[in-house]
Every structure is written in C-alpha cells, then in structure tokens.
C-alpha cells in the first residue's frame, strides 16, 4: 500500500511539473481561488516567472526521483 501511495504522489508531481512548465503563468493563475492570503501568494508568484518555472522543474525532478527510488532494486 505504501508503494502505491508513493507512485500516486510521483505521478502527481510529474504531471503538475509538466503542465506547469508548459504554461506556468496560466496554470498558476488557474489556482487563484480561496482565501485572500492564498490569492496574494499566487499573485506574488506570477510576478516572478523564472522562479515559477524553477519551482515546476523542481517538482518534475522530485517526482522522477521518487518514482526511480520506488522502482529501484535495492538488493
């Protein structure tokens, strides 16, 4: 069960990282909902496109590393 949770997490990280890299501003803006502090944080992120792309690239790499760690034969 723990392996499946890790795989789902990896899939989510990889998917969001790819979509975020394809259209970072549009994808991030689509999450602009909820309480004012969250909307303010998203507005701040949208002002820094390089940091936004870096965050999505990091998320993608983290997902790939997690998937690799799950499927690596440690014997």
Protein backbone atom coordinates (compact mmCIF):
# COMPACT_ATOMS: atom_id res chain seq x y z
CA UNK A 1 0.00 0.00 0.00
CA UNK A 2 2.85 2.41 0.80
CA UNK A 3 4.38 1.79 -2.64
CA UNK A 4 1.11 2.70 -4.35
CA UNK A 5 0.82 5.92 -2.35
CA UNK A 6 4.37 6.81 -3.39
CA UNK A 7 3.56 6.06 -7.02
CA UNK A 8 0.46 8.25 -6.91
CA UNK A 9 2.48 11.04 -5.36
CA UNK A 10 5.16 10.69 -8.05
CA UNK A 11 2.54 10.75 -10.80
CA UNK A 12 1.01 13.90 -9.32
CA UNK A 13 4.38 15.64 -9.02
CA UNK A 14 5.43 14.70 -12.54
CA UNK A 15 2.10 15.69 -14.07
CA UNK A 16 1.89 19.04 -12.33
CA UNK A 17 5.54 19.76 -13.12
CA UNK A 18 5.00 19.11 -16.84
CA UNK A 19 1.78 21.13 -17.06
CA UNK A 20 3.36 23.93 -15.04
CA UNK A 21 6.36 24.06 -17.36
CA UNK A 22 4.16 24.15 -20.46
CA UNK A 23 2.21 27.24 -19.35
CA UNK A 24 3.44 28.40 -15.94
CA UNK A 25 1.52 31.67 -15.65
CA UNK A 26 -1.77 30.30 -16.95
CA UNK A 27 -1.57 27.14 -14.83
CA UNK A 28 -0.63 29.03 -11.67
CA UNK A 29 -3.37 31.61 -12.24
CA UNK A 30 -5.90 28.78 -12.51
CA UNK A 31 -5.23 28.07 -8.81
CA UNK A 32 -6.11 31.66 -7.83
CA UNK A 33 -9.05 30.84 -5.59
CA UNK A 34 -9.78 30.52 -1.92
CA UNK A 35 -8.81 32.89 0.87
CA UNK A 36 -7.11 36.21 0.25
CA UNK A 37 -3.66 35.13 1.56
CA UNK A 38 -3.58 32.29 -0.97
CA UNK A 39 -4.63 34.58 -3.82
CA UNK A 40 -1.98 37.10 -2.73
CA UNK A 41 0.69 34.37 -2.74
CA UNK A 42 -0.31 33.33 -6.26
CA UNK A 43 -0.23 36.94 -7.44
CA UNK A 44 3.27 37.28 -5.98
CA UNK A 45 4.40 34.08 -7.71
CA UNK A 46 3.06 35.33 -11.04
CA UNK A 47 5.38 38.35 -10.77
CA UNK A 48 8.43 36.04 -10.81
CA UNK A 49 8.23 33.85 -13.95
CA UNK A 50 11.76 32.43 -13.64
CA UNK A 51 11.13 31.31 -10.07
CA UNK A 52 7.81 29.85 -11.18
CA UNK A 53 9.46 27.77 -13.91
CA UNK A 54 12.16 26.69 -11.48
CA UNK A 55 9.55 25.53 -8.99
CA UNK A 56 7.74 23.46 -11.63
CA UNK A 57 11.03 21.99 -12.89
CA UNK A 58 11.96 21.07 -9.32
CA UNK A 59 8.57 19.44 -8.85
CA UNK A 60 9.06 17.40 -12.03
CA UNK A 61 12.53 16.23 -10.96
CA UNK A 62 11.28 15.37 -7.47
CA UNK A 63 8.56 13.20 -8.99
CA UNK A 64 11.02 11.44 -11.27
CA UNK A 65 13.42 10.81 -8.38
CA UNK A 66 10.61 9.48 -6.22
CA UNK A 67 9.45 7.13 -8.99
CA UNK A 68 13.01 5.95 -9.56
CA UNK A 69 13.53 5.34 -5.83
CA UNK A 70 10.34 3.32 -5.60
CA UNK A 71 11.27 1.07 -8.51
CA UNK A 72 14.99 0.74 -7.85
CA UNK A 73 16.05 -2.78 -6.84
CA UNK A 74 17.98 -2.20 -3.61
CA UNK A 75 19.25 -5.81 -3.36
